[in-house]
C-alpha cells in the first residue's frame, strides 16, 4: 500500500526513510558505545567494530582492515594500537610473509567479545520474538539491499 503517488509520494517516502535511518544510526552508535564498554572500559565504539571484524574474518593485515572498513590508514593503525594496548588484540607474524604482521584477537579479547555478542544475540531474539519469520526474512533482505546502496 502506498501513502502517496508520483513525485510527492516518493519524496515523502524518502524523507521517512532518511528520518528512520538517522534514528537507527543514533541508536546503533549508542549501542556500540555500550557494547564496547562491556568488552573493556577503555574500548571506544569504533575500535569495537574493528574487534568484531577481526573476530569474523580472522587474522588480518592492517591494509586489509583499511580496505574492508574504508577508513584512513592512520585511523586503523591507532585503533589496532589501542586494541593491543588493552590486551584485546595482538600482532603476530604473517605465515605467508615473514616481513608482514597480522592482527588477531587475544584469548581475552575473544572471550570478552564472545560474551558480549552472545548477550546481544539473546536480547535480539527476545526483542524479535513476536515478529513472524517472514517479516524477519524480509527485514534481512531489505537491510542487505540497504548495505549495497550505502
N, C-alpha and C. Protein backbone atom coordinates (compact mmCIF):
# COMPACT_ATOMS: atom_id res chain seq x y z
N UNK A 1 0.85 -1.18 0.00
CA UNK A 1 0.00 0.00 0.00
C UNK A 1 0.89 1.24 0.00
N UNK A 2 0.53 2.21 -0.81
CA UNK A 2 1.31 3.44 -0.87
C UNK A 2 0.55 4.57 -0.23
N UNK A 3 1.29 5.49 0.36
CA UNK A 3 0.65 6.62 1.03
C UNK A 3 0.57 7.84 0.13
N UNK A 4 1.17 7.78 -1.02
CA UNK A 4 1.13 8.90 -1.94
C UNK A 4 1.44 8.41 -3.32
N UNK A 5 1.29 9.31 -4.28
CA UNK A 5 1.57 8.89 -5.65
C UNK A 5 2.51 9.89 -6.28
N UNK A 6 3.20 9.43 -7.29
CA UNK A 6 4.08 10.31 -8.06
C UNK A 6 5.26 10.80 -7.26
N UNK A 7 5.79 11.95 -7.72
CA UNK A 7 7.00 12.52 -7.12
C UNK A 7 6.80 12.92 -5.66
N UNK A 8 5.64 13.47 -5.34
CA UNK A 8 5.40 13.91 -3.95
C UNK A 8 5.38 12.71 -3.01
N UNK A 9 4.75 11.64 -3.41
CA UNK A 9 4.71 10.43 -2.58
C UNK A 9 6.10 9.84 -2.39
N UNK A 10 6.88 9.86 -3.46
CA UNK A 10 8.25 9.33 -3.37
C UNK A 10 9.10 10.20 -2.44
N UNK A 11 8.97 11.53 -2.55
CA UNK A 11 9.72 12.42 -1.66
C UNK A 11 9.35 12.18 -0.20
N UNK A 12 8.07 12.02 0.06
CA UNK A 12 7.61 11.75 1.43
C UNK A 12 8.19 10.43 1.94
N UNK A 13 8.16 9.42 1.08
CA UNK A 13 8.71 8.12 1.48
C UNK A 13 10.21 8.22 1.74
N UNK A 14 10.94 8.92 0.87
CA UNK A 14 12.38 9.08 1.06
C UNK A 14 12.69 9.89 2.32
N UNK A 15 11.88 10.90 2.60
CA UNK A 15 12.06 11.67 3.84
C UNK A 15 11.87 10.76 5.06
N UNK A 16 10.88 9.89 4.99
CA UNK A 16 10.63 8.95 6.10
C UNK A 16 11.81 7.98 6.27
N UNK A 17 12.33 7.49 5.16
CA UNK A 17 13.49 6.58 5.22
C UNK A 17 14.67 7.31 5.84
N UNK A 18 14.92 8.54 5.39
CA UNK A 18 16.05 9.30 5.92
C UNK A 18 15.89 9.53 7.43
N UNK A 19 14.70 9.88 7.86
CA UNK A 19 14.43 10.12 9.28
C UNK A 19 14.65 8.85 10.10
N UNK A 20 14.13 7.73 9.61
CA UNK A 20 14.27 6.47 10.34
C UNK A 20 15.72 5.99 10.36
N UNK A 21 16.45 6.22 9.27
CA UNK A 21 17.87 5.86 9.26
C UNK A 21 18.65 6.70 10.27
N UNK A 22 18.33 7.97 10.38
CA UNK A 22 19.00 8.83 11.35
C UNK A 22 18.79 8.30 12.77
N UNK A 23 17.56 7.90 13.07
CA UNK A 23 17.27 7.33 14.39
C UNK A 23 18.04 6.02 14.58
N UNK A 24 18.01 5.17 13.56
CA UNK A 24 18.72 3.89 13.63
C UNK A 24 20.21 4.10 13.86
N UNK A 25 20.82 5.02 13.12
CA UNK A 25 22.26 5.27 13.26
C UNK A 25 22.59 5.81 14.65
N UNK A 26 21.75 6.69 15.19
CA UNK A 26 21.99 7.20 16.55
C UNK A 26 21.93 6.06 17.57
N UNK A 27 20.92 5.22 17.42
CA UNK A 27 20.78 4.09 18.34
C UNK A 27 21.93 3.10 18.19
N UNK A 28 22.35 2.87 16.96
CA UNK A 28 23.47 1.95 16.72
C UNK A 28 24.74 2.50 17.35
N UNK A 29 24.97 3.80 17.23
CA UNK A 29 26.16 4.43 17.83
C UNK A 29 26.12 4.27 19.35
N UNK A 30 24.95 4.51 19.93
CA UNK A 30 24.79 4.38 21.38
C UNK A 30 25.00 2.92 21.81
N UNK A 31 24.44 2.00 21.05
CA UNK A 31 24.60 0.57 21.38
C UNK A 31 26.05 0.15 21.26
N UNK A 32 26.75 0.63 20.24
CA UNK A 32 28.17 0.30 20.08
C UNK A 32 28.99 0.80 21.26
N UNK A 33 28.67 1.98 21.74
CA UNK A 33 29.39 2.51 22.89
C UNK A 33 29.16 1.63 24.12
N UNK A 34 27.93 1.22 24.32
CA UNK A 34 27.61 0.36 25.47
C UNK A 34 28.27 -1.01 25.35
N UNK A 35 28.23 -1.58 24.15
CA UNK A 35 28.85 -2.89 23.93
C UNK A 35 30.36 -2.82 24.11
N UNK A 36 30.97 -1.76 23.59
CA UNK A 36 32.41 -1.58 23.73
C UNK A 36 32.80 -1.53 25.20
N UNK A 37 32.04 -0.78 26.00
CA UNK A 37 32.34 -0.67 27.43
C UNK A 37 32.22 -2.00 28.14
N UNK A 38 31.32 -2.86 27.67
CA UNK A 38 31.18 -4.19 28.27
C UNK A 38 32.38 -5.08 27.95
N UNK A 39 32.95 -4.90 26.77
CA UNK A 39 34.15 -5.67 26.42
C UNK A 39 35.32 -5.20 27.26
N UNK A 40 35.50 -3.87 27.33
CA UNK A 40 36.58 -3.28 28.12
C UNK A 40 36.23 -1.82 28.36
N UNK A 41 36.36 -1.33 29.58
CA UNK A 41 36.00 0.07 29.86
C UNK A 41 36.77 1.09 29.03
N UNK A 42 37.96 0.75 28.56
CA UNK A 42 38.76 1.68 27.77
C UNK A 42 38.56 1.57 26.28
N UNK A 43 37.65 0.69 25.85
CA UNK A 43 37.44 0.46 24.42
C UNK A 43 36.43 1.45 23.86
N UNK A 44 36.79 2.15 22.76
CA UNK A 44 35.82 3.05 22.15
C UNK A 44 34.98 2.29 21.12
N UNK A 45 33.88 2.88 20.73
CA UNK A 45 32.91 2.18 19.87
C UNK A 45 33.48 1.87 18.48
N UNK A 46 34.34 2.73 17.97
CA UNK A 46 34.93 2.47 16.65
C UNK A 46 35.84 1.24 16.71
N UNK A 47 36.63 1.15 17.77
CA UNK A 47 37.52 0.00 17.92
C UNK A 47 36.72 -1.28 18.18
N UNK A 48 35.53 -1.14 18.77
CA UNK A 48 34.67 -2.31 18.95
C UNK A 48 34.32 -2.91 17.59
N UNK A 49 33.99 -2.06 16.62
CA UNK A 49 33.69 -2.54 15.27
C UNK A 49 34.88 -3.27 14.66
N UNK A 50 36.07 -2.78 14.91
CA UNK A 50 37.28 -3.43 14.42
C UNK A 50 37.46 -4.79 15.09
N UNK A 51 37.18 -4.86 16.37
CA UNK A 51 37.27 -6.12 17.11
C UNK A 51 36.32 -7.16 16.50
N UNK A 52 35.11 -6.74 16.19
CA UNK A 52 34.12 -7.63 15.57
C UNK A 52 34.61 -8.10 14.20
N UNK A 53 35.15 -7.18 13.41
CA UNK A 53 35.67 -7.54 12.09
C UNK A 53 36.76 -8.60 12.20
N UNK A 54 37.69 -8.40 13.10
CA UNK A 54 38.79 -9.36 13.26
C UNK A 54 38.26 -10.70 13.73
N UNK A 55 37.29 -10.68 14.61
CA UNK A 55 36.69 -11.94 15.08
C UNK A 55 36.02 -12.67 13.93
N UNK A 56 35.30 -11.94 13.10
CA UNK A 56 34.57 -12.57 11.99
C UNK A 56 35.50 -13.03 10.88
N UNK A 57 36.53 -12.24 10.58
CA UNK A 57 37.39 -12.52 9.42
C UNK A 57 38.62 -13.35 9.78
N UNK A 58 39.00 -13.35 11.04
CA UNK A 58 40.24 -14.00 11.42
C UNK A 58 41.39 -13.02 11.30
N UNK A 59 42.61 -13.48 11.54
CA UNK A 59 43.76 -12.58 11.48
C UNK A 59 43.83 -11.82 10.15
N UNK A 60 44.10 -10.53 10.24
CA UNK A 60 44.13 -9.66 9.06
C UNK A 60 45.36 -8.77 9.10
N UNK A 61 45.83 -8.40 7.92
CA UNK A 61 46.85 -7.36 7.81
C UNK A 61 46.15 -6.01 7.99
N UNK A 62 46.91 -5.04 8.44
CA UNK A 62 46.35 -3.71 8.60
C UNK A 62 45.76 -3.17 7.31
N UNK A 63 46.43 -3.43 6.18
CA UNK A 63 45.93 -2.96 4.88
C UNK A 63 44.58 -3.59 4.54
N UNK A 64 44.38 -4.84 4.95
CA UNK A 64 43.09 -5.50 4.71
C UNK A 64 41.99 -4.85 5.54
N UNK A 65 42.34 -4.45 6.76
CA UNK A 65 41.36 -3.77 7.61
C UNK A 65 40.98 -2.43 6.99
N UNK A 66 41.97 -1.69 6.52
CA UNK A 66 41.73 -0.40 5.87
C UNK A 66 40.76 -0.59 4.71
N UNK A 67 41.02 -1.60 3.89
CA UNK A 67 40.18 -1.84 2.71
C UNK A 67 38.76 -2.25 3.10
N UNK A 68 38.63 -3.12 4.07
CA UNK A 68 37.30 -3.61 4.46
C UNK A 68 36.46 -2.55 5.15
N UNK A 69 37.10 -1.70 5.94
CA UNK A 69 36.35 -0.69 6.68
C UNK A 69 36.27 0.64 5.94
N UNK A 70 37.12 0.82 4.94
CA UNK A 70 37.11 2.08 4.20
C UNK A 70 37.55 3.26 5.04
N UNK A 71 38.44 2.99 5.99
CA UNK A 71 38.93 4.06 6.86
C UNK A 71 40.34 4.44 6.47
N UNK A 72 40.79 5.58 6.97
CA UNK A 72 42.14 6.06 6.76
C UNK A 72 43.13 5.13 7.46
N UNK A 73 44.28 4.92 6.85
CA UNK A 73 45.30 4.03 7.41
C UNK A 73 45.71 4.45 8.82
N UNK A 74 45.86 5.75 9.06
CA UNK A 74 46.27 6.21 10.39
C UNK A 74 45.20 5.91 11.44
N UNK A 75 43.93 6.01 11.05
CA UNK A 75 42.84 5.70 11.98
C UNK A 75 42.88 4.23 12.36
N UNK A 76 43.05 3.37 11.36
CA UNK A 76 43.10 1.93 11.61
C UNK A 76 44.31 1.59 12.47
N UNK A 77 45.45 2.19 12.17
CA UNK A 77 46.67 1.93 12.96
C UNK A 77 46.46 2.31 14.42
N UNK A 78 45.82 3.44 14.64
CA UNK A 78 45.56 3.88 16.02
C UNK A 78 44.62 2.92 16.72
N UNK A 79 43.55 2.49 16.03
CA UNK A 79 42.61 1.56 16.64
C UNK A 79 43.26 0.22 16.96
N UNK A 80 44.09 -0.27 16.05
CA UNK A 80 44.80 -1.53 16.30
C UNK A 80 45.73 -1.36 17.51
N UNK A 81 46.45 -0.25 17.56
CA UNK A 81 47.34 0.01 18.70
C UNK A 81 46.55 0.04 20.00
N UNK A 82 45.37 0.65 19.98
CA UNK A 82 44.52 0.70 21.17
C UNK A 82 44.09 -0.71 21.59
N UNK A 83 43.70 -1.55 20.63
CA UNK A 83 43.30 -2.92 20.95
C UNK A 83 44.46 -3.70 21.55
N UNK A 84 45.65 -3.50 21.01
CA UNK A 84 46.84 -4.17 21.54
C UNK A 84 47.13 -3.69 22.95
N UNK A 85 47.09 -2.38 23.16
CA UNK A 85 47.35 -1.81 24.49
C UNK A 85 46.36 -2.34 25.53
N UNK A 86 45.11 -2.53 25.13
CA UNK A 86 44.08 -3.03 26.05
C UNK A 86 44.17 -4.55 26.24
N UNK A 87 45.05 -5.21 25.51
CA UNK A 87 45.20 -6.66 25.64
C UNK A 87 44.13 -7.46 24.93
N UNK A 88 43.40 -6.80 24.00
CA UNK A 88 42.31 -7.46 23.29
C UNK A 88 42.76 -8.05 21.95
N UNK A 89 43.85 -7.53 21.42
CA UNK A 89 44.38 -8.00 20.14
C UNK A 89 45.90 -8.04 20.24
N UNK A 90 46.50 -8.74 19.29
CA UNK A 90 47.95 -8.84 19.24
C UNK A 90 48.39 -8.89 17.79
N UNK A 91 49.62 -8.45 17.58
CA UNK A 91 50.22 -8.53 16.25
C UNK A 91 51.08 -9.78 16.21
N UNK A 92 50.90 -10.57 15.15
CA UNK A 92 51.67 -11.81 15.00
C UNK A 92 52.26 -11.84 13.60
N UNK A 93 53.35 -12.59 13.41
CA UNK A 93 53.93 -12.69 12.07
C UNK A 93 52.94 -13.34 11.09
N UNK A 94 52.95 -12.85 9.87
CA UNK A 94 52.14 -13.44 8.80
C UNK A 94 52.87 -14.67 8.29
N UNK A 95 52.27 -15.86 8.40
CA UNK A 95 52.97 -17.07 7.97
C UNK A 95 53.29 -17.09 6.47
N UNK A 96 52.56 -16.30 5.68
CA UNK A 96 52.81 -16.29 4.24
C UNK A 96 53.86 -15.24 3.84
N UNK A 97 54.20 -14.35 4.78
CA UNK A 97 55.19 -13.30 4.50
C UNK A 97 55.80 -12.87 5.83
N UNK A 98 56.97 -13.38 6.14
CA UNK A 98 57.60 -13.14 7.42
C UNK A 98 57.83 -11.68 7.76
N UNK A 99 57.84 -10.81 6.75
CA UNK A 99 58.04 -9.37 6.99
C UNK A 99 56.76 -8.70 7.45
N UNK A 100 55.62 -9.27 7.11
CA UNK A 100 54.32 -8.65 7.41
C UNK A 100 53.80 -9.14 8.76
N UNK A 101 52.87 -8.36 9.32
CA UNK A 101 52.25 -8.70 10.60
C UNK A 101 50.74 -8.78 10.40
N UNK A 102 50.15 -9.68 11.15
CA UNK A 102 48.70 -9.81 11.18
C UNK A 102 48.21 -9.35 12.55
N UNK A 103 47.00 -8.89 12.59
CA UNK A 103 46.39 -8.57 13.88
C UNK A 103 45.31 -9.62 14.13
N UNK A 104 45.31 -10.17 15.33
CA UNK A 104 44.33 -11.17 15.71
C UNK A 104 43.90 -10.90 17.15
N UNK A 105 42.77 -11.47 17.53
CA UNK A 105 42.30 -11.29 18.89
C UNK A 105 43.14 -12.13 19.84
N UNK A 106 43.34 -11.62 21.04
CA UNK A 106 43.94 -12.43 22.09
C UNK A 106 42.84 -13.34 22.64
N UNK A 107 43.22 -14.28 23.45
CA UNK A 107 42.22 -15.14 24.08
C UNK A 107 41.26 -14.32 24.93
N UNK A 108 41.80 -13.36 25.67
CA UNK A 108 40.96 -12.48 26.49
C UNK A 108 40.02 -11.67 25.61
N UNK A 109 40.53 -11.10 24.54
CA UNK A 109 39.70 -10.32 23.62
C UNK A 109 38.58 -11.15 23.03
N UNK A 110 38.92 -12.36 22.60
CA UNK A 110 37.92 -13.24 22.01
C UNK A 110 36.85 -13.63 23.04
N UNK A 111 37.29 -13.98 24.25
CA UNK A 111 36.34 -14.38 25.29
C UNK A 111 35.38 -13.25 25.65
N UNK A 112 35.94 -12.06 25.85
CA UNK A 112 35.09 -10.92 26.22
C UNK A 112 34.12 -10.56 25.09
N UNK A 113 34.64 -10.54 23.87
CA UNK A 113 33.78 -10.21 22.74
C UNK A 113 32.68 -11.25 22.57
N UNK A 114 33.01 -12.51 22.68
CA UNK A 114 32.01 -13.56 22.52
C UNK A 114 30.93 -13.48 23.59
N UNK A 115 31.31 -13.12 24.81
CA UNK A 115 30.31 -12.93 25.87
C UNK A 115 29.33 -11.82 25.49
N UNK A 116 29.87 -10.70 25.05
CA UNK A 116 29.04 -9.55 24.69
C UNK A 116 28.16 -9.86 23.48
N UNK A 117 28.74 -10.51 22.47
CA UNK A 117 27.95 -10.84 21.27
C UNK A 117 26.86 -11.85 21.60
N UNK A 118 27.16 -12.79 22.47
CA UNK A 118 26.16 -13.79 22.86
C UNK A 118 24.98 -13.11 23.58
N UNK A 119 25.29 -12.19 24.47
CA UNK A 119 24.25 -11.44 25.18
C UNK A 119 23.44 -10.59 24.19
N UNK A 120 24.13 -9.96 23.24
CA UNK A 120 23.44 -9.13 22.25
C UNK A 120 22.48 -9.98 21.42
N UNK A 121 22.91 -11.16 21.01
CA UNK A 121 22.05 -12.04 20.23
C UNK A 121 20.84 -12.51 21.05
N UNK A 122 21.07 -12.80 22.33
CA UNK A 122 19.97 -13.23 23.19
C UNK A 122 18.92 -12.12 23.29
N UNK A 123 19.39 -10.90 23.48
CA UNK A 123 18.46 -9.77 23.58
C UNK A 123 17.72 -9.55 22.26
N UNK A 124 18.40 -9.72 21.14
CA UNK A 124 17.74 -9.57 19.83
C UNK A 124 16.66 -10.63 19.67
N UNK A 125 16.95 -11.86 20.06
CA UNK A 125 15.93 -12.91 19.97
C UNK A 125 14.70 -12.55 20.80
N UNK A 126 14.93 -11.99 21.98
CA UNK A 126 13.81 -11.57 22.84
C UNK A 126 13.01 -10.45 22.17
N UNK A 127 13.70 -9.46 21.65
CA UNK A 127 13.02 -8.30 21.07
C UNK A 127 12.25 -8.64 19.80
N UNK A 128 12.74 -9.62 19.05
CA UNK A 128 12.07 -10.01 17.81
C UNK A 128 11.20 -11.25 17.97
N UNK A 129 10.99 -11.68 19.19
CA UNK A 129 10.24 -12.92 19.43
C UNK A 129 8.83 -12.87 18.84
N UNK A 130 8.20 -11.71 18.84
CA UNK A 130 6.82 -11.61 18.34
C UNK A 130 6.75 -11.40 16.83
N UNK A 131 7.89 -11.21 16.18
CA UNK A 131 7.89 -10.98 14.73
C UNK A 131 7.76 -12.30 13.99
N UNK A 132 6.89 -12.36 13.00
CA UNK A 132 6.81 -13.58 12.18
C UNK A 132 8.13 -13.77 11.40
N UNK A 133 8.46 -15.02 11.15
CA UNK A 133 9.68 -15.35 10.41
C UNK A 133 9.72 -14.64 9.07
N UNK A 134 8.58 -14.57 8.38
CA UNK A 134 8.55 -13.88 7.08
C UNK A 134 8.97 -12.42 7.20
N UNK A 135 8.55 -11.75 8.26
CA UNK A 135 8.94 -10.36 8.48
C UNK A 135 10.44 -10.24 8.73
N UNK A 136 10.97 -11.17 9.51
CA UNK A 136 12.42 -11.15 9.78
C UNK A 136 13.21 -11.38 8.50
N UNK A 137 12.75 -12.31 7.68
CA UNK A 137 13.43 -12.58 6.41
C UNK A 137 13.36 -11.37 5.49
N UNK A 138 12.20 -10.71 5.45
CA UNK A 138 12.06 -9.51 4.62
C UNK A 138 12.96 -8.39 5.14
N UNK A 139 13.01 -8.21 6.45
CA UNK A 139 13.87 -7.20 7.04
C UNK A 139 15.33 -7.48 6.67
N UNK A 140 15.76 -8.72 6.78
CA UNK A 140 17.14 -9.10 6.43
C UNK A 140 17.42 -8.79 4.96
N UNK A 141 16.48 -9.11 4.07
CA UNK A 141 16.67 -8.81 2.64
C UNK A 141 16.78 -7.31 2.39
N UNK A 142 15.91 -6.55 3.03
CA UNK A 142 15.92 -5.10 2.83
C UNK A 142 17.18 -4.47 3.43
N UNK A 143 17.63 -4.96 4.56
CA UNK A 143 18.87 -4.44 5.14
C UNK A 143 20.06 -4.75 4.24
N UNK A 144 20.06 -5.93 3.63
CA UNK A 144 21.14 -6.28 2.70
C UNK A 144 21.11 -5.32 1.49
N UNK A 145 19.94 -5.01 1.00
CA UNK A 145 19.83 -4.05 -0.10
C UNK A 145 20.31 -2.67 0.33
N UNK A 146 19.97 -2.29 1.55
CA UNK A 146 20.43 -1.01 2.10
C UNK A 146 21.95 -0.97 2.16
N UNK A 147 22.57 -2.04 2.64
CA UNK A 147 24.04 -2.09 2.70
C UNK A 147 24.64 -1.94 1.31
N UNK A 148 24.02 -2.56 0.33
CA UNK A 148 24.53 -2.44 -1.05
C UNK A 148 24.46 -0.99 -1.54
N UNK A 149 23.40 -0.28 -1.20
CA UNK A 149 23.21 1.11 -1.62
C UNK A 149 24.20 2.02 -0.91
N UNK A 150 24.40 1.76 0.39
CA UNK A 150 25.28 2.62 1.19
C UNK A 150 26.74 2.30 0.93
